[in-house]
Structure formats: C-alpha cells, structure tokens
Amino acid sequence: MAKDLLFEIGTEEMPAGFINRVREDYKNLVEEELNNNRLEFENIQVYSTPRRLTLYVENLADNQNTKKEIVRGPSEKIAFDEEKNLTRAGQGFARGQGVERDDLIIKDGYLYVEKIEEGKKTSEILNLFLPELLKKIPFPKTMQWGNYKFKFIRPIKWLLALFGEKLIKFNLTGVDSDNNG
C-alpha cells in the first residue's frame, strides 16, 4: 500500500531570489533519485517559504521494485574446457556474479546469469535516502557552519520526515529529524 512522504527542512532565512529555482531543481532531483532507487510514486510537489523547504510525494510505494538483470559473460568456448568443466574464465565470471555453476545459463554460445534483487522496504531506504538527498540539492550558493563539512543554502534548524504516519529518523549536522518542529 502506497503512502505519502512529507519531508520538511527548516532553515535560517533563505534568499528570496533563489527560491523558485531551488524548488524546481529540488523537484527534478527528487524525481530522478526516486526513479534511480526503483521507488514508484504518483506525484511530487515542492513548497517553500523563506525558512522552510517542503517536499510532498504522493502515493510513494511501500517497497522498491524488484530488479531483474541478465548479465552476459564469456563465450561457452572460453568458459568450459573439453570435459565441460569451468575454466578459470568461467569460474571467475561465476564468482564475480556471486553465483554457483548451476546458476549459469548457456544461451547463444555465451554464459549468462539472471540476477534478481528483491526490493527493500521504502521506510528502510528513506533513512539513508533523505540525508543524501539534502547533500545533492543544487543551490546557487551554499554555506558551511559549525564543524560540519556539510554545505547547504542556510543552517538547518529542524527536520521533519514522515512516511505515512511513521517518523523517519536520522541526524544531519547535529539536528535530529522529529515531529516537534
């Protein structure tokens, strides 16, 4: 069942001239990152005030999509010797893909492996996804504060991250995400 994601960043006052551009760039970044993480969603909206940047993702999937990948390896002639034992090339391909000999598929004269990566729960992904997302927002100018190497448009004062009704907890620049902001 899909849930909505609400992610708010409270900051010191941001320059008004940057806000429209930041909203559009932020929306595009979120869409790209959600797609890269195989997370389906219905709609993305970004809102802002001089002291707040808010992301609202409607109907974000509860789980990542399963990833299926077919990897082509060496030719059958190189992967097997005359007695149909794996050569070093065949063994190396299997080891590199993390599979056993029985998982190898021979097709069109080549070795293949079908890899399936089950999707994780979205709530688990968001704990790492959201702080990384903040690091990628393209601002015209950024600043650094305290002893943190993190750069943002202005110092972060509070964070709120809700997936449905569940609080997504993380810490960034000494600020914990919570719903007391």
C-alpha atoms as a PDB file:
ATOM      1  CA  MET A   1       0.000   0.000   0.000  1.00  0.00           C
ATOM      2  CA  ALA A   2       1.420   3.360  -1.009  1.00  0.00           C
ATOM      3  CA  LYS A   3       1.832   6.183   1.488  1.00  0.00           C
ATOM      4  CA  ASP A   4       2.599   9.874   1.223  1.00  0.00           C
ATOM      5  CA  LEU A   5       6.031  11.225   2.119  1.00  0.00           C
ATOM      6  CA  LEU A   6       6.331  14.603   3.816  1.00  0.00           C
ATOM      7  CA  PHE A   7       9.847  15.977   4.226  1.00  0.00           C
ATOM      8  CA  GLU A   8      10.378  19.478   5.626  1.00  0.00           C
ATOM      9  CA  ILE A   9      13.631  21.288   6.194  1.00  0.00           C
ATOM     10  CA  GLY A  10      13.580  24.297   8.488  1.00  0.00           C
ATOM     11  CA  THR A  11      16.432  26.748   7.941  1.00  0.00           C
ATOM     12  CA  GLU A  12      17.565  30.241   8.662  1.00  0.00           C
ATOM     13  CA  GLU A  13      16.099  32.657   6.139  1.00  0.00           C
ATOM     14  CA  MET A  14      16.953  31.746   2.543  1.00  0.00           C
ATOM     15  CA  PRO A  15      17.434  34.441  -0.126  1.00  0.00           C
ATOM     16  CA  ALA A  16      14.052  35.018  -1.809  1.00  0.00           C
ATOM     17  CA  GLY A  17      15.656  35.283  -5.256  1.00  0.00           C
ATOM     18  CA  PHE A  18      16.817  31.642  -5.101  1.00  0.00           C
ATOM     19  CA  ILE A  19      13.549  30.037  -4.001  1.00  0.00           C
ATOM     20  CA  ASN A  20      11.778  29.448  -7.355  1.00  0.00           C
ATOM     21  CA  ARG A  21      14.855  27.925  -8.963  1.00  0.00           C
ATOM     22  CA  VAL A  22      15.588  25.786  -5.899  1.00  0.00           C
ATOM     23  CA  ARG A  23      12.023  24.411  -5.850  1.00  0.00           C
ATOM     24  CA  GLU A  24      12.196  23.346  -9.500  1.00  0.00           C
ATOM     25  CA  ASP A  25      15.699  21.858  -9.211  1.00  0.00           C
ATOM     26  CA  TYR A  26      14.741  20.052  -5.993  1.00  0.00           C
ATOM     27  CA  LYS A  27      11.643  18.533  -7.607  1.00  0.00           C
ATOM     28  CA  ASN A  28      13.651  17.304 -10.599  1.00  0.00           C
ATOM     29  CA  LEU A  29      16.330  15.859  -8.317  1.00  0.00           C
ATOM     30  CA  VAL A  30      13.759  14.009  -6.183  1.00  0.00           C
ATOM     31  CA  GLU A  31      12.086  12.517  -9.257  1.00  0.00           C
ATOM     32  CA  GLU A  32      15.426  11.325 -10.620  1.00  0.00           C
ATOM     33  CA  GLU A  33      16.556   9.869  -7.280  1.00  0.00           C
ATOM     34  CA  LEU A  34      13.264   8.058  -6.648  1.00  0.00           C
ATOM     35  CA  ASN A  35      13.460   6.515 -10.121  1.00  0.00           C
ATOM     36  CA  ASN A  36      17.111   5.531  -9.547  1.00  0.00           C
ATOM     37  CA  ASN A  37      16.062   3.828  -6.306  1.00  0.00           C
ATOM     38  CA  ARG A  38      13.222   1.960  -8.059  1.00  0.00           C
ATOM     39  CA  LEU A  39      10.556   3.664  -5.957  1.00  0.00           C
ATOM     40  CA  GLU A  40       7.240   4.296  -7.682  1.00  0.00           C
ATOM     41  CA  PHE A  41       5.177   7.386  -6.843  1.00  0.00           C
ATOM     42  CA  GLU A  42       2.219   9.299  -8.185  1.00  0.00           C
ATOM     43  CA  ASN A  43       3.159  12.970  -7.862  1.00  0.00           C
ATOM     44  CA  ILE A  44       5.846  15.257  -6.409  1.00  0.00           C
ATOM     45  CA  GLN A  45       5.254  18.739  -5.067  1.00  0.00           C
ATOM     46  CA  VAL A  46       7.728  21.154  -3.536  1.00  0.00           C
ATOM     47  CA  TYR A  47       6.675  24.113  -1.413  1.00  0.00           C
ATOM     48  CA  SER A  48       8.752  26.784   0.248  1.00  0.00           C
ATOM     49  CA  THR A  49       8.829  29.833   2.426  1.00  0.00           C
ATOM     50  CA  PRO A  50      11.966  31.817   3.284  1.00  0.00           C
ATOM     51  CA  ARG A  51      12.559  29.476   6.270  1.00  0.00           C
ATOM     52  CA  ARG A  52      11.139  26.189   5.024  1.00  0.00           C
ATOM     53  CA  LEU A  53      11.594  23.807   2.098  1.00  0.00           C
ATOM     54  CA  THR A  54       8.897  21.129   1.915  1.00  0.00           C
ATOM     55  CA  LEU A  55       8.735  18.027  -0.237  1.00  0.00           C
ATOM     56  CA  TYR A  56       5.476  16.121  -0.623  1.00  0.00           C
ATOM     57  CA  VAL A  57       5.462  12.848  -2.560  1.00  0.00           C
ATOM     58  CA  GLU A  58       2.031  11.352  -3.129  1.00  0.00           C
ATOM     59  CA  ASN A  59       1.488   7.593  -3.072  1.00  0.00           C
ATOM     60  CA  LEU A  60       5.088   6.527  -2.651  1.00  0.00           C
ATOM     61  CA  ALA A  61       5.316   2.732  -2.890  1.00  0.00           C
ATOM     62  CA  ASP A  62       5.878   0.747   0.318  1.00  0.00           C
ATOM     63  CA  ASN A  63       8.655  -1.283  -1.333  1.00  0.00           C
ATOM     64  CA  GLN A  64      11.248  -0.884  -4.042  1.00  0.00           C
ATOM     65  CA  ASN A  65      10.548  -2.654  -7.292  1.00  0.00           C
ATOM     66  CA  THR A  66      12.397  -5.923  -7.739  1.00  0.00           C
ATOM     67  CA  LYS A  67      15.393  -5.540 -10.030  1.00  0.00           C
ATOM     68  CA  LYS A  68      15.970  -8.222 -12.649  1.00  0.00           C
ATOM     69  CA  GLU A  69      19.200  -8.143 -14.577  1.00  0.00           C
ATOM     70  CA  ILE A  70      20.706 -10.532 -17.124  1.00  0.00           C
ATOM     71  CA  VAL A  71      24.486 -10.382 -17.241  1.00  0.00           C
ATOM     72  CA  ARG A  72      26.412 -11.793 -20.181  1.00  0.00           C
ATOM     73  CA  GLY A  73      29.708 -13.475 -19.512  1.00  0.00           C
ATOM     74  CA  PRO A  74      32.405 -15.142 -21.588  1.00  0.00           C
ATOM     75  CA  SER A  75      31.664 -17.348 -24.574  1.00  0.00           C
ATOM     76  CA  GLU A  76      30.953 -21.016 -23.962  1.00  0.00           C
ATOM     77  CA  LYS A  77      34.213 -21.958 -25.726  1.00  0.00           C
ATOM     78  CA  ILE A  78      36.244 -19.864 -23.268  1.00  0.00           C
ATOM     79  CA  ALA A  79      34.185 -20.722 -20.162  1.00  0.00           C
ATOM     80  CA  PHE A  80      34.429 -24.525 -20.484  1.00  0.00           C
ATOM     81  CA  ASP A  81      37.203 -26.982 -21.310  1.00  0.00           C
ATOM     82  CA  GLU A  82      36.766 -30.139 -23.440  1.00  0.00           C
ATOM     83  CA  GLU A  83      35.391 -32.071 -20.449  1.00  0.00           C
ATOM     84  CA  LYS A  84      32.756 -29.387 -19.753  1.00  0.00           C
ATOM     85  CA  ASN A  85      34.483 -28.207 -16.581  1.00  0.00           C
ATOM     86  CA  LEU A  86      34.579 -24.480 -15.898  1.00  0.00           C
ATOM     87  CA  THR A  87      37.827 -22.832 -16.887  1.00  0.00           C
ATOM     88  CA  ARG A  88      39.333 -20.011 -14.864  1.00  0.00           C
ATOM     89  CA  ALA A  89      37.363 -17.560 -17.011  1.00  0.00           C
ATOM     90  CA  GLY A  90      34.092 -19.369 -16.280  1.00  0.00           C
ATOM     91  CA  GLN A  91      34.882 -19.696 -12.588  1.00  0.00           C
ATOM     92  CA  GLY A  92      35.833 -16.021 -12.418  1.00  0.00           C
ATOM     93  CA  PHE A  93      32.576 -14.970 -14.059  1.00  0.00           C
ATOM     94  CA  ALA A  94      30.501 -17.092 -11.660  1.00  0.00           C
ATOM     95  CA  ARG A  95      32.455 -15.837  -8.635  1.00  0.00           C
ATOM     96  CA  GLY A  96      32.213 -12.232  -9.798  1.00  0.00           C
ATOM     97  CA  GLN A  97      28.439 -12.542 -10.107  1.00  0.00           C
ATOM     98  CA  GLY A  98      28.129 -14.324  -6.764  1.00  0.00           C
ATOM     99  CA  VAL A  99      26.543 -17.478  -8.207  1.00  0.00           C
ATOM    100  CA  GLU A 100      27.235 -21.207  -8.383  1.00  0.00           C
ATOM    101  CA  ARG A 101      27.822 -23.217 -11.556  1.00  0.00           C
ATOM    102  CA  ASP A 102      24.218 -24.433 -11.535  1.00  0.00           C
ATOM    103  CA  ASP A 103      23.000 -20.831 -11.787  1.00  0.00           C
ATOM    104  CA  LEU A 104      24.853 -20.230 -15.067  1.00  0.00           C
ATOM    105  CA  ILE A 105      22.748 -20.224 -18.224  1.00  0.00           C
ATOM    106  CA  ILE A 106      24.171 -21.071 -21.649  1.00  0.00           C
ATOM    107  CA  LYS A 107      22.430 -19.249 -24.461  1.00  0.00           C
ATOM    108  CA  ASP A 108      23.574 -18.212 -27.937  1.00  0.00           C
ATOM    109  CA  GLY A 109      27.052 -19.573 -27.201  1.00  0.00           C
ATOM    110  CA  TYR A 110      27.598 -17.388 -24.111  1.00  0.00           C
ATOM    111  CA  LEU A 111      27.266 -17.720 -20.355  1.00  0.00           C
ATOM    112  CA  TYR A 112      24.555 -15.661 -18.702  1.00  0.00           C
ATOM    113  CA  VAL A 113      23.391 -15.071 -15.163  1.00  0.00           C
ATOM    114  CA  GLU A 114      19.951 -13.859 -14.217  1.00  0.00           C
ATOM    115  CA  LYS A 115      20.242 -11.764 -11.076  1.00  0.00           C
ATOM    116  CA  ILE A 116      17.196 -10.813  -9.060  1.00  0.00           C
ATOM    117  CA  GLU A 117      17.468  -8.168  -6.357  1.00  0.00           C
ATOM    118  CA  GLU A 118      14.401  -8.069  -4.159  1.00  0.00           C
ATOM    119  CA  GLY A 119      13.164  -4.604  -3.276  1.00  0.00           C
ATOM    120  CA  LYS A 120      13.661  -3.270   0.247  1.00  0.00           C
ATOM    121  CA  LYS A 121      11.030  -1.548   2.352  1.00  0.00           C
ATOM    122  CA  THR A 122      10.768   2.132   1.496  1.00  0.00           C
ATOM    123  CA  SER A 123      10.867   3.127   5.173  1.00  0.00           C
ATOM    124  CA  GLU A 124      14.321   1.490   5.463  1.00  0.00           C
ATOM    125  CA  ILE A 125      15.593   3.238   2.332  1.00  0.00           C
ATOM    126  CA  LEU A 126      14.402   6.687   3.427  1.00  0.00           C
ATOM    127  CA  ASN A 127      16.712   6.755   6.476  1.00  0.00           C
ATOM    128  CA  LEU A 128      19.707   6.982   4.128  1.00  0.00           C
ATOM    129  CA  PHE A 129      17.961   8.447   1.089  1.00  0.00           C
ATOM    130  CA  LEU A 130      16.751  11.696   2.690  1.00  0.00           C
ATOM    131  CA  PRO A 131      20.081  12.868   4.187  1.00  0.00           C
ATOM    132  CA  GLU A 132      21.829  12.042   0.893  1.00  0.00           C
ATOM    133  CA  LEU A 133      19.134  13.920  -0.994  1.00  0.00           C
ATOM    134  CA  LEU A 134      19.868  17.065   1.026  1.00  0.00           C
ATOM    135  CA  LYS A 135      23.524  16.868   0.024  1.00  0.00           C
ATOM    136  CA  LYS A 136      22.570  16.838  -3.669  1.00  0.00           C
ATOM    137  CA  ILE A 137      20.170  19.795  -3.841  1.00  0.00           C
ATOM    138  CA  PRO A 138      21.748  22.235  -6.296  1.00  0.00           C
ATOM    139  CA  PHE A 139      21.851  25.665  -4.670  1.00  0.00           C
ATOM    140  CA  PRO A 140      23.309  28.742  -6.378  1.00  0.00           C
ATOM    141  CA  LYS A 141      25.306  29.430  -3.189  1.00  0.00           C
ATOM    142  CA  THR A 142      25.924  27.282  -0.140  1.00  0.00           C
ATOM    143  CA  MET A 143      27.479  27.747   3.259  1.00  0.00           C
ATOM    144  CA  GLN A 144      29.082  25.629   5.920  1.00  0.00           C
ATOM    145  CA  TRP A 145      28.528  26.092   9.653  1.00  0.00           C
ATOM    146  CA  GLY A 146      29.944  24.729  12.857  1.00  0.00           C
ATOM    147  CA  ASN A 147      32.435  21.894  12.478  1.00  0.00           C
ATOM    148  CA  TYR A 148      30.344  20.186   9.797  1.00  0.00           C
ATOM    149  CA  LYS A 149      31.644  19.573   6.285  1.00  0.00           C
ATOM    150  CA  PHE A 150      28.057  19.592   5.033  1.00  0.00           C
ATOM    151  CA  LYS A 151      27.052  22.578   2.876  1.00  0.00           C
ATOM    152  CA  PHE A 152      23.517  23.924   2.452  1.00  0.00           C
ATOM    153  CA  ILE A 153      21.876  27.194   1.468  1.00  0.00           C
ATOM    154  CA  ARG A 154      21.477  28.161   5.162  1.00  0.00           C
ATOM    155  CA  PRO A 155      21.996  26.410   8.517  1.00  0.00           C
ATOM    156  CA  ILE A 156      19.403  23.710   9.180  1.00  0.00           C
ATOM    157  CA  LYS A 157      17.310  24.306  12.296  1.00  0.00           C
ATOM    158  CA  TRP A 158      14.865  21.371  12.178  1.00  0.00           C
ATOM    159  CA  LEU A 159      13.865  18.360  10.071  1.00  0.00           C
ATOM    160  CA  LEU A 160      10.576  16.519   9.700  1.00  0.00           C
ATOM    161  CA  ALA A 161      10.283  13.280   7.718  1.00  0.00           C
ATOM    162  CA  LEU A 162       7.023  11.316   7.726  1.00  0.00           C
ATOM    163  CA  PHE A 163       6.235   8.302   5.565  1.00  0.00           C
ATOM    164  CA  GLY A 164       2.538   7.864   6.117  1.00  0.00           C
ATOM    165  CA  GLU A 165       2.316   8.320   9.871  1.00  0.00           C
ATOM    166  CA  LYS A 166       5.756   6.839  10.560  1.00  0.00           C
ATOM    167  CA  LEU A 167       8.563   9.194  11.567  1.00  0.00           C
ATOM    168  CA  ILE A 168      11.757   8.585   9.576  1.00  0.00           C
ATOM    169  CA  LYS A 169      14.621   9.141  11.999  1.00  0.00           C
ATOM    170  CA  PHE A 170      18.059  10.398  11.036  1.00  0.00           C
ATOM    171  CA  ASN A 171      20.550  13.051  12.117  1.00  0.00           C
ATOM    172  CA  LEU A 172      22.193  15.673   9.959  1.00  0.00           C
ATOM    173  CA  THR A 173      24.538  18.396  11.250  1.00  0.00           C
ATOM    174  CA  GLY A 174      23.507  17.630  14.803  1.00  0.00           C
ATOM    175  CA  VAL A 175      19.803  18.038  14.018  1.00  0.00           C
ATOM    176  CA  ASP A 176      17.539  15.015  14.581  1.00  0.00           C
ATOM    177  CA  SER A 177      14.504  14.530  12.423  1.00  0.00           C
ATOM    178  CA  ASP A 178      11.433  14.703  14.635  1.00  0.00           C
ATOM    179  CA  ASN A 179       7.858  15.908  14.642  1.00  0.00           C
ATOM    180  CA  ASN A 180       8.299  18.559  17.337  1.00  0.00           C
ATOM    181  CA  GLY A 181       9.428  21.351  14.943  1.00  0.00           C
END
